[in-house]
């Protein structure tokens, strides 16, 4: 099982040197991947009362992940850079293909693209995209992304996307770049089985139960129906660093026992006030896990 970390950007502030310091530490510690979340806009909850209780608001800071990866590409050497997730249907497909291909080149093939459909309609409105059909649009986007990453010239006619005898240059190193899906509804799980290279599972290790096993079975069943090998579909879980290191290791191993191929340590909202404190806990966890 591969260990990674979640970039604690809501607590990182706006100091580029802190982002650099954290990424270099995770890289030197031997973590497999560094995951960055995505929100273009945060909603003002005093106005959008129906979103009260959402995970993130106007007050939370988010670097734009693909721009951040351009910076981190220059200061890391080995660690995989992953999005967890980018909200794909609110973005232009061809532009995402170009950005991802560029990051993949700059990192020497170290990009993993995690995608999802999001929950914040405020972002969709501001970016000029529809919220209601975002799931269906994402499927078409995935098909086009893979064509743009693997074919010299693309001619694509979809319901929402059109490319007429065109392509991107330069091409990515990985052809195609791996695409993992976030989400946990049965509709998403079926989509992962048919299309995904992996599943970014939501929830804590305490939620691992027979329902979680059922979700894996849904993915595997639909992979087989699509003629795919279910064993080639990765599963990523998360461990919140709000407990002793010994318990963090136990939680990671529990994920592994449920079939996780990747586990990421989440240090945001766990009481760490400085970048050094975040680095200290990811260091202790890596040393304890081995």
Protein backbone atom coordinates (compact mmCIF):
# COMPACT_ATOMS: atom_id res chain seq x y z
CA UNK A 1 0.00 0.00 0.00
CA UNK A 2 1.27 3.46 -0.91
CA UNK A 3 1.28 6.32 1.59
CA UNK A 4 0.57 9.93 0.74
CA UNK A 5 -0.30 13.24 2.37
CA UNK A 6 -3.01 15.84 1.89
CA UNK A 7 -1.60 19.31 1.26
CA UNK A 8 -3.00 21.32 4.21
CA UNK A 9 -3.72 24.38 2.17
CA UNK A 10 -6.57 25.82 4.24
CA UNK A 11 -4.00 26.19 7.04
CA UNK A 12 -0.94 26.93 4.92
CA UNK A 13 -1.58 30.65 4.59
CA UNK A 14 -0.38 32.51 1.53
CA UNK A 15 3.38 32.06 1.93
CA UNK A 16 4.89 30.23 -1.07
CA UNK A 17 7.90 29.29 1.03
CA UNK A 18 5.64 27.26 3.34
CA UNK A 19 4.16 25.36 0.40
CA UNK A 20 7.68 24.67 -0.83
CA UNK A 21 8.88 23.56 2.60
CA UNK A 22 5.96 21.17 3.08
CA UNK A 23 6.23 19.62 -0.39
CA UNK A 24 9.99 19.16 -0.08
CA UNK A 25 9.52 17.49 3.30
CA UNK A 26 6.90 15.06 1.99
CA UNK A 27 9.13 14.28 -0.98
CA UNK A 28 12.24 13.67 1.11
CA UNK A 29 10.32 11.50 3.60
CA UNK A 30 9.49 9.09 0.80
CA UNK A 31 5.75 9.62 0.56
CA UNK A 32 4.30 8.31 -2.68
CA UNK A 33 1.91 11.16 -3.40
CA UNK A 34 0.84 14.66 -2.39
CA UNK A 35 -2.84 15.42 -2.86
CA UNK A 36 -4.30 18.91 -3.35
CA UNK A 37 -7.98 19.81 -3.09
CA UNK A 38 -9.81 22.19 -5.44
CA UNK A 39 -12.26 25.02 -4.96
CA UNK A 40 -12.21 28.02 -7.27
CA UNK A 41 -14.64 29.97 -5.09
CA UNK A 42 -15.95 29.75 -1.55
CA UNK A 43 -19.54 30.66 -0.80
CA UNK A 44 -20.57 33.36 1.66
CA UNK A 45 -22.76 31.38 4.04
CA UNK A 46 -24.53 34.49 5.30
CA UNK A 47 -26.08 34.70 1.84
CA UNK A 48 -26.12 31.06 0.66
CA UNK A 49 -27.95 29.72 3.71
CA UNK A 50 -28.78 26.43 1.99
CA UNK A 51 -25.06 25.60 1.97
CA UNK A 52 -24.60 26.14 5.71
CA UNK A 53 -22.71 23.18 7.11
CA UNK A 54 -20.68 22.67 3.94
CA UNK A 55 -17.08 21.58 4.33
CA UNK A 56 -15.59 24.82 3.01
CA UNK A 57 -16.68 28.46 2.86
CA UNK A 58 -15.54 31.87 1.69
CA UNK A 59 -13.09 31.94 4.61
CA UNK A 60 -11.08 28.90 3.48
CA UNK A 61 -7.97 29.36 1.34
CA UNK A 62 -7.38 27.22 -1.73
CA UNK A 63 -4.49 27.41 -4.16
CA UNK A 64 -5.51 26.53 -7.70
CA UNK A 65 -4.16 22.95 -7.87
CA UNK A 66 -2.75 22.82 -11.40
CA UNK A 67 -1.05 26.19 -11.04
CA UNK A 68 0.36 25.04 -7.69
CA UNK A 69 1.66 21.87 -9.35
CA UNK A 70 3.63 23.99 -11.80
CA UNK A 71 5.43 25.47 -8.79
CA UNK A 72 5.82 22.17 -6.94
CA UNK A 73 7.17 20.49 -10.06
CA UNK A 74 10.28 22.62 -9.68
CA UNK A 75 10.85 21.88 -5.99
CA UNK A 76 10.11 18.14 -5.82
CA UNK A 77 11.89 15.21 -7.42
CA UNK A 78 9.99 12.00 -6.87
CA UNK A 79 6.60 12.46 -5.22
CA UNK A 80 3.48 12.05 -7.35
CA UNK A 81 1.25 15.14 -7.52
CA UNK A 82 -2.44 14.34 -7.37
CA UNK A 83 -5.68 16.28 -7.37
CA UNK A 84 -8.21 15.11 -4.87
CA UNK A 85 -10.25 16.21 -6.68
CA UNK A 86 -10.56 18.87 -9.36
CA UNK A 87 -14.18 19.68 -10.13
CA UNK A 88 -14.00 18.68 -13.77
CA UNK A 89 -17.44 19.69 -15.15
CA UNK A 90 -16.93 23.33 -14.19
CA UNK A 91 -13.76 23.46 -16.28
CA UNK A 92 -13.12 23.52 -20.04
CA UNK A 93 -12.10 20.03 -21.12
CA UNK A 94 -9.47 20.93 -23.69
CA UNK A 95 -7.84 23.40 -21.31
CA UNK A 96 -7.68 20.77 -18.54
CA UNK A 97 -6.09 18.38 -21.04
CA UNK A 98 -3.46 20.99 -21.91
CA UNK A 99 -2.77 21.93 -18.28
CA UNK A 100 -2.51 18.31 -17.17
CA UNK A 101 -0.22 17.38 -20.07
CA UNK A 102 2.06 20.30 -19.20
CA UNK A 103 2.23 19.32 -15.53
CA UNK A 104 2.94 15.73 -16.48
CA UNK A 105 5.86 16.87 -18.62
CA UNK A 106 7.22 19.28 -16.02
CA UNK A 107 7.18 16.56 -13.36
CA UNK A 108 8.56 13.78 -15.52
CA UNK A 109 5.29 11.83 -15.50
CA UNK A 110 4.26 12.39 -11.89
CA UNK A 111 0.67 13.57 -12.29
CA UNK A 112 -2.43 11.67 -11.20
CA UNK A 113 -5.68 13.47 -12.00
CA UNK A 114 -8.42 12.96 -9.45
CA UNK A 115 -11.77 14.28 -10.65
CA UNK A 116 -15.23 14.81 -9.21
CA UNK A 117 -18.42 16.70 -9.89
CA UNK A 118 -18.54 18.85 -6.76
CA UNK A 119 -21.35 20.16 -4.59
CA UNK A 120 -20.99 23.95 -4.69
CA UNK A 121 -23.37 25.38 -7.29
CA UNK A 122 -21.92 28.86 -6.63
CA UNK A 123 -18.72 27.86 -8.43
CA UNK A 124 -20.60 26.50 -11.43
CA UNK A 125 -22.62 29.69 -11.73
CA UNK A 126 -19.52 31.88 -11.61
CA UNK A 127 -17.68 29.74 -14.15
CA UNK A 128 -20.60 29.68 -16.57
CA UNK A 129 -21.32 25.95 -16.40
CA UNK A 130 -24.52 24.03 -15.60
CA UNK A 131 -24.77 22.29 -12.25
CA UNK A 132 -27.67 19.96 -13.07
CA UNK A 133 -26.02 17.73 -15.68
CA UNK A 134 -22.47 17.74 -14.31
CA UNK A 135 -22.26 13.96 -13.85
CA UNK A 136 -23.13 13.09 -17.43
CA UNK A 137 -20.87 15.82 -18.75
CA UNK A 138 -17.94 14.45 -16.76
CA UNK A 139 -18.14 11.11 -18.58
CA UNK A 140 -17.84 12.81 -21.94
CA UNK A 141 -14.98 14.93 -20.62
CA UNK A 142 -13.03 11.84 -19.54
CA UNK A 143 -13.34 10.34 -23.00
CA UNK A 144 -12.08 13.53 -24.63
CA UNK A 145 -9.23 13.97 -22.15
CA UNK A 146 -7.91 10.51 -22.94
CA UNK A 147 -8.11 11.11 -26.66
CA UNK A 148 -6.26 14.41 -26.39
CA UNK A 149 -3.51 12.75 -24.32
CA UNK A 150 -2.99 9.79 -26.64
CA UNK A 151 -3.84 10.84 -30.20
CA UNK A 152 -1.84 13.19 -32.40
CA UNK A 153 -5.00 14.56 -34.02
CA UNK A 154 -8.46 14.43 -32.47
CA UNK A 155 -11.85 14.67 -34.13
CA UNK A 156 -14.45 14.53 -31.35
CA UNK A 157 -18.16 15.27 -31.58
CA UNK A 158 -19.96 14.96 -28.26
CA UNK A 159 -23.08 16.40 -26.72
CA UNK A 160 -21.12 19.09 -24.89
CA UNK A 161 -17.61 19.00 -26.38
CA UNK A 162 -16.35 19.37 -29.92
CA UNK A 163 -12.79 19.16 -31.26
CA UNK A 164 -12.42 19.37 -35.03
CA UNK A 165 -9.16 17.90 -36.35
CA UNK A 166 -6.93 19.37 -33.66
CA UNK A 167 -4.62 18.24 -30.87
CA UNK A 168 -2.33 19.35 -28.08
CA UNK A 169 1.43 19.74 -28.15
CA UNK A 170 3.49 18.78 -26.32
CA UNK A 171 1.92 15.47 -25.35
CA UNK A 172 2.15 14.14 -21.77
CA UNK A 173 4.64 11.50 -20.74
CA UNK A 174 1.88 9.26 -19.42
CA UNK A 175 -0.45 8.33 -22.24
CA UNK A 176 -3.00 8.54 -20.83
CA UNK A 177 -2.59 10.30 -17.50
CA UNK A 178 -4.37 8.20 -14.83
CA UNK A 179 -7.82 9.46 -13.87
CA UNK A 180 -9.28 8.64 -10.45
CA UNK A 181 -12.83 9.48 -9.42
CA UNK A 182 -14.08 10.90 -6.14
CA UNK A 183 -17.61 10.33 -4.83
CA UNK A 184 -19.56 7.51 -3.25
CA UNK A 185 -23.03 7.32 -4.80
CA UNK A 186 -23.86 4.17 -6.73
CA UNK A 187 -23.98 6.23 -9.93
CA UNK A 188 -20.38 7.33 -9.36
CA UNK A 189 -19.27 3.83 -8.36
CA UNK A 190 -20.65 2.41 -11.61
CA UNK A 191 -18.86 5.17 -13.52
CA UNK A 192 -15.60 4.24 -11.80
CA UNK A 193 -16.04 0.60 -12.76
CA UNK A 194 -16.53 1.54 -16.40
CA UNK A 195 -14.06 4.39 -16.73
CA UNK A 196 -11.86 5.01 -13.71
CA UNK A 197 -8.29 4.11 -12.94
CA UNK A 198 -9.09 4.43 -9.25
CA UNK A 199 -11.55 5.45 -6.55
CA UNK A 200 -10.85 8.26 -4.08
CA UNK A 201 -13.06 7.02 -1.27
CA UNK A 202 -14.69 9.48 1.11
CA UNK A 203 -15.20 8.98 4.83
CA UNK A 204 -13.04 8.04 7.79
CA UNK A 205 -11.60 4.64 8.59
CA UNK A 206 -14.36 4.31 11.21
CA UNK A 207 -16.85 4.13 8.33
CA UNK A 208 -15.26 0.97 6.93
CA UNK A 209 -17.96 -1.68 7.16
CA UNK A 210 -20.04 -4.02 5.03
CA UNK A 211 -21.50 -1.03 3.18
CA UNK A 212 -17.99 -0.05 2.11
CA UNK A 213 -17.36 -3.59 0.88
CA UNK A 214 -20.62 -3.39 -1.09
CA UNK A 215 -19.39 -0.23 -2.79
CA UNK A 216 -16.20 -1.97 -3.86
CA UNK A 217 -18.30 -4.82 -5.22
CA UNK A 218 -20.33 -2.34 -7.29
CA UNK A 219 -17.12 -0.98 -8.80
CA UNK A 220 -15.75 -4.43 -9.53
CA UNK A 221 -19.00 -5.74 -10.99
CA UNK A 222 -19.29 -2.85 -13.42
CA UNK A 223 -15.62 -3.12 -14.32
CA UNK A 224 -16.16 -6.75 -15.29
CA UNK A 225 -19.28 -5.82 -17.26
CA UNK A 226 -17.12 -3.33 -19.19
CA UNK A 227 -14.50 -6.00 -19.89
CA UNK A 228 -11.99 -4.52 -17.45
CA UNK A 229 -9.87 -6.17 -14.75
CA UNK A 230 -11.16 -4.91 -11.36
CA UNK A 231 -7.75 -5.47 -9.81
CA UNK A 232 -6.35 -2.67 -11.94
CA UNK A 233 -8.62 -0.12 -10.23
CA UNK A 234 -6.93 1.53 -7.25
CA UNK A 235 -8.63 2.57 -4.00
CA UNK A 236 -7.48 5.51 -1.90
CA UNK A 237 -8.50 6.08 1.71
CA UNK A 238 -7.83 8.87 4.20
CA UNK A 239 -6.68 9.00 7.81
CA UNK A 240 -7.29 12.12 9.91
CA UNK A 241 -4.32 13.06 12.11
CA UNK A 242 -6.48 13.88 15.14
CA UNK A 243 -5.22 11.02 17.34
CA UNK A 244 -1.98 9.41 18.53
CA UNK A 245 0.44 8.18 15.87
CA UNK A 246 -0.04 4.55 16.91
CA UNK A 247 -3.75 4.86 16.14
CA UNK A 248 -2.98 6.51 12.80
CA UNK A 249 -0.93 3.48 11.79
CA UNK A 250 -3.72 1.15 12.89
CA UNK A 251 -6.23 3.17 10.87
CA UNK A 252 -4.04 3.00 7.75
CA UNK A 253 -3.67 -0.75 8.12
CA UNK A 254 -7.45 -1.05 8.48
CA UNK A 255 -7.83 0.69 5.14
CA UNK A 256 -5.35 -1.78 3.68
CA UNK A 257 -7.37 -4.71 5.04
CA UNK A 258 -10.40 -3.34 3.21
CA UNK A 259 -8.54 -3.29 -0.10
CA UNK A 260 -7.03 0.20 -0.21
CA UNK A 261 -4.01 0.51 -2.50
CA UNK A 262 -3.28 4.08 -1.32
CA UNK A 263 -3.80 5.90 1.98
CA UNK A 264 -3.31 9.63 2.57
CA UNK A 265 -2.73 11.37 5.89
CA UNK A 266 -5.04 14.35 6.41
CA UNK A 267 -3.64 16.97 8.81
CA UNK A 268 -6.05 19.84 8.11
CA UNK A 269 -8.45 20.74 10.92
CA UNK A 270 -6.52 18.57 13.34
CA UNK A 271 -5.07 21.28 15.57
CA UNK A 272 -1.79 22.05 13.81
CA UNK A 273 -1.08 25.78 13.58
CA UNK A 274 2.18 25.99 11.62
CA UNK A 275 3.76 24.32 8.62
CA UNK A 276 6.42 22.88 10.94
CA UNK A 277 3.74 21.18 13.02
CA UNK A 278 2.20 19.66 9.89
CA UNK A 279 5.63 18.41 8.83
CA UNK A 280 6.30 17.00 12.28
CA UNK A 281 3.19 14.80 12.25
CA UNK A 282 3.72 13.50 8.70
CA UNK A 283 7.30 12.67 9.73
CA UNK A 284 6.19 10.72 12.81
CA UNK A 285 3.53 8.86 10.86
CA UNK A 286 5.92 7.82 8.09
CA UNK A 287 8.52 6.65 10.58
CA UNK A 288 5.94 4.68 12.57
CA UNK A 289 4.37 3.03 9.53
CA UNK A 290 7.73 2.06 8.08
